[in-house]
Protein backbone atom coordinates (compact mmCIF):
# COMPACT_ATOMS: atom_id res chain seq x y z
CA ALA A 1 80.73 -46.96 -11.75
CA LEU A 2 82.51 -44.81 -14.47
CA THR A 3 79.81 -42.23 -14.09
CA PHE A 4 79.71 -42.07 -10.40
CA LEU A 5 84.12 -41.78 -10.54
CA GLN A 6 83.70 -38.92 -13.06
CA GLU A 7 81.15 -37.14 -11.38
CA GLY A 8 82.94 -37.38 -7.79
CA ILE A 9 80.12 -39.18 -6.35
CA ILE A 10 82.34 -42.09 -5.35
CA GLN A 11 86.17 -42.71 -4.97
CA PRO A 12 87.72 -46.06 -5.32
CA SER A 13 87.85 -46.55 -1.86
CA THR A 14 84.17 -45.50 -1.20
CA SER A 15 82.36 -48.33 0.40
CA PHE A 16 78.70 -49.02 0.43
CA PRO A 17 76.83 -51.96 2.71
CA CYS A 18 75.13 -54.76 1.16
CA SER A 19 72.74 -56.86 3.30
CA HIS A 20 71.91 -59.01 0.47
CA GLY A 21 70.63 -56.23 -1.40
CA PHE A 22 69.98 -52.34 -1.25
CA ILE A 23 67.37 -51.59 1.51
CA TYR A 24 66.03 -48.36 2.00
CA GLY A 25 62.65 -47.89 3.83
CA GLY A 26 60.38 -50.51 2.33
CA LEU A 27 62.17 -50.78 -1.04
CA ARG A 28 64.60 -53.61 -1.51
CA VAL A 29 66.86 -54.59 -4.60
CA GLY A 30 68.05 -57.70 -3.85
CA CYS A 31 71.82 -59.22 -4.17
CA HIS A 32 73.59 -62.25 -3.66
CA GLY A 33 75.69 -63.15 -0.62
CA HIS A 34 79.23 -61.61 -0.36
CA GLY A 35 81.24 -59.50 2.05
CA SER A 36 79.87 -55.88 3.32
CA PRO A 37 80.51 -53.23 3.40
CA LEU A 38 82.62 -53.31 0.23
CA PRO A 39 84.71 -50.66 -1.81
CA LEU A 40 84.33 -50.45 -5.71
CA ILE A 41 86.50 -52.98 -6.95
CA PRO A 42 85.13 -55.81 -4.97
CA ALA A 43 81.68 -54.39 -5.81
CA ILE A 44 82.33 -54.69 -9.50
CA ALA A 45 83.97 -58.25 -8.82
CA THR A 46 81.04 -59.37 -7.28
CA SER A 47 78.30 -57.62 -9.23
CA CYS A 48 77.20 -56.06 -6.12
CA ASN A 49 73.51 -54.51 -6.69
CA ALA A 50 73.33 -52.66 -3.84
CA TYR A 51 76.82 -50.73 -4.44
CA PHE A 52 75.49 -49.47 -7.66
CA CYS A 53 72.19 -48.68 -6.06
CA TRP A 54 73.55 -46.36 -3.33
CA GLY A 55 75.90 -44.58 -6.02
CA LEU A 56 72.74 -43.87 -7.83
CA TYR A 57 70.74 -42.71 -4.82
CA ARG A 58 73.76 -40.66 -3.56
CA MET A 59 74.20 -38.96 -7.25
CA PHE A 60 70.34 -38.12 -7.41
CA GLY A 61 70.48 -36.48 -4.01
CA ASP A 62 73.66 -34.57 -4.31
CA LYS A 63 72.64 -31.03 -4.22
CA LYS A 64 75.10 -29.76 -7.02
CA TYR A 65 72.64 -31.11 -9.50
CA GLY A 66 69.66 -29.04 -8.15
CA SER A 67 67.21 -31.76 -9.07
CA PRO A 68 66.79 -35.68 -9.64
CA GLN A 69 65.88 -34.38 -13.27
CA ASN A 70 69.07 -32.61 -13.76
CA ALA A 71 71.25 -35.48 -11.92
CA LEU A 72 69.34 -37.90 -14.66
CA THR A 73 70.27 -35.75 -17.44
CA VAL A 74 74.01 -35.90 -16.45
CA TRP A 75 74.03 -39.85 -16.01
CA LYS A 76 72.07 -40.20 -19.28
CA ASP A 77 74.83 -38.06 -21.23
CA HIS A 78 77.32 -40.24 -19.62
CA MET A 79 75.59 -43.41 -20.77
CA VAL A 80 75.01 -41.97 -24.25
CA SER A 81 78.78 -41.13 -24.68
CA GLN A 82 79.48 -44.78 -23.95
CA GLY A 83 77.34 -45.77 -26.73
CA PHE A 84 74.36 -46.57 -24.97
CA GLY A 85 70.55 -45.31 -26.18
CA TYR A 86 71.10 -44.72 -29.73
CA LYS A 87 72.65 -47.04 -32.80
CA LEU A 88 76.47 -46.93 -32.64
CA GLY A 89 76.23 -46.67 -36.82
CA THR A 90 77.78 -50.42 -37.42
CA ASP A 91 78.21 -51.58 -40.98
CA LEU A 92 76.04 -54.71 -39.58
CA PRO A 93 72.29 -54.66 -41.07
CA GLY A 94 69.48 -54.50 -38.75
CA GLU A 95 71.09 -52.59 -35.68
CA LYS A 96 68.92 -51.57 -32.77
CA ARG A 97 69.20 -48.60 -30.87
CA GLY A 98 68.50 -49.51 -27.14
CA PHE A 99 67.19 -46.89 -24.71
CA ILE A 100 68.29 -44.76 -21.98
CA PRO A 101 65.46 -42.88 -20.18
CA ASN A 102 65.50 -39.06 -19.89
CA ALA A 103 63.60 -36.96 -17.17
CA GLY A 104 60.77 -36.49 -19.53
CA VAL A 105 60.24 -40.26 -19.53
CA TYR A 106 59.94 -40.23 -15.75
CA ASP A 107 58.15 -36.79 -15.42
CA LYS A 108 55.26 -38.24 -17.49
CA ALA A 109 55.19 -41.67 -15.98
CA TYR A 110 55.27 -39.97 -12.36
CA ARG A 111 53.75 -36.48 -13.07
CA GLY A 112 57.04 -34.99 -12.14
CA SER A 113 57.00 -36.67 -8.72
CA TRP A 114 60.04 -38.93 -8.57
CA ASN A 115 63.63 -39.22 -7.31
CA GLY A 116 66.43 -41.79 -7.06
CA LEU A 117 64.71 -44.42 -5.23
CA THR A 118 61.75 -44.29 -7.78
CA VAL A 119 64.06 -45.04 -10.76
CA ILE A 120 66.64 -47.08 -8.51
CA SER A 121 66.46 -50.10 -11.11
CA ILE A 122 68.26 -48.06 -13.84
CA SER A 123 71.51 -48.11 -11.56
CA ILE A 124 71.85 -51.89 -12.37
CA GLY A 125 71.07 -51.48 -15.92
CA GLN A 126 67.37 -52.81 -15.33
CA GLY A 127 64.05 -50.95 -15.53
CA GLU A 128 63.65 -48.79 -18.34
CA VAL A 129 67.15 -49.22 -19.55
CA LEU A 130 67.59 -51.24 -22.99
CA SER A 131 70.98 -52.20 -24.58
CA THR A 132 71.82 -54.53 -27.25
CA PRO A 133 74.61 -57.27 -27.16
CA LEU A 134 76.64 -54.91 -29.52
CA GLN A 135 76.75 -52.05 -26.92
CA MET A 136 77.54 -54.43 -24.15
CA ALA A 137 80.43 -55.64 -26.36
CA ASN A 138 81.50 -51.99 -27.29
CA LEU A 139 81.56 -50.92 -23.66
CA ALA A 140 83.99 -53.84 -22.94
CA ALA A 141 86.25 -52.38 -25.68
CA THR A 142 85.91 -49.07 -24.23
CA ILE A 143 87.27 -50.13 -21.01
CA ALA A 144 90.02 -52.03 -22.63
CA ASN A 145 90.85 -49.18 -24.46
CA ARG A 146 90.87 -46.76 -21.56
CA GLY A 147 87.94 -44.59 -22.53
CA TYR A 148 87.35 -44.53 -26.33
CA PHE A 149 85.85 -46.95 -28.83
CA VAL A 150 85.97 -47.13 -32.67
CA THR A 151 82.47 -47.81 -34.19
CA PRO A 152 81.98 -51.40 -34.35
CA HIS A 153 82.39 -52.56 -37.94
CA ILE A 154 82.98 -55.95 -40.14
CA VAL A 155 84.63 -54.63 -43.12
CA LYS A 156 88.47 -54.15 -42.44
CA ASP A 157 88.97 -52.33 -45.96
CA VAL A 158 87.62 -52.12 -49.54
CA GLN A 159 90.00 -52.90 -52.24
CA ASP A 160 90.98 -49.50 -54.16
CA ALA A 161 89.10 -47.44 -51.66
CA GLU A 162 89.70 -45.78 -48.22
CA LEU A 163 87.34 -47.29 -45.47
CA ASP A 164 84.90 -44.85 -44.08
CA SER A 165 86.28 -42.44 -41.45
CA THR A 166 83.65 -43.46 -39.21
CA TYR A 167 85.13 -46.80 -38.61
CA ARG A 168 88.62 -45.37 -38.06
CA GLU A 169 88.09 -42.35 -35.72
CA ARG A 170 88.40 -42.97 -31.94
CA ARG A 171 85.16 -41.81 -30.00
CA TYR A 172 85.94 -40.73 -26.36
CA THR A 173 83.39 -40.94 -23.80
CA SER A 174 82.98 -38.41 -21.05
């Protein structure tokens, strides 16, 4: 939703239909029962899969990007800026990186012939998208902070030493 808003794909009042899911041709991504159509805030409140599928479909079809590959690159860059796809750099041992696919992943898998419908599951954080519990908690902190996060850490301070700036600086999302 944040990416779609930032990119002008939707407005908070934009409504999309949900007939127990996103249905386009023979493709169906299921959803649970709730009112329809619905705008952004109720879509978030009800975790409406169809809403976010429609948003991604609209973004990948938008002519301003020129191709689904370019649209995916913009989408991926927004995801990475929010702390997904790479290690956050925490002081906790064993941090994993997660995964946000890029156009090359899909070009290889689909021999260059794919579109928003082919990869629609990424719109709801599924498919090839991998995130860690720490990345999800970090997203909640970013929303609470209204657009920035501080690299998650355990050590608050070290006696007679200054805490590494990595754990003090705000990292703003795109």
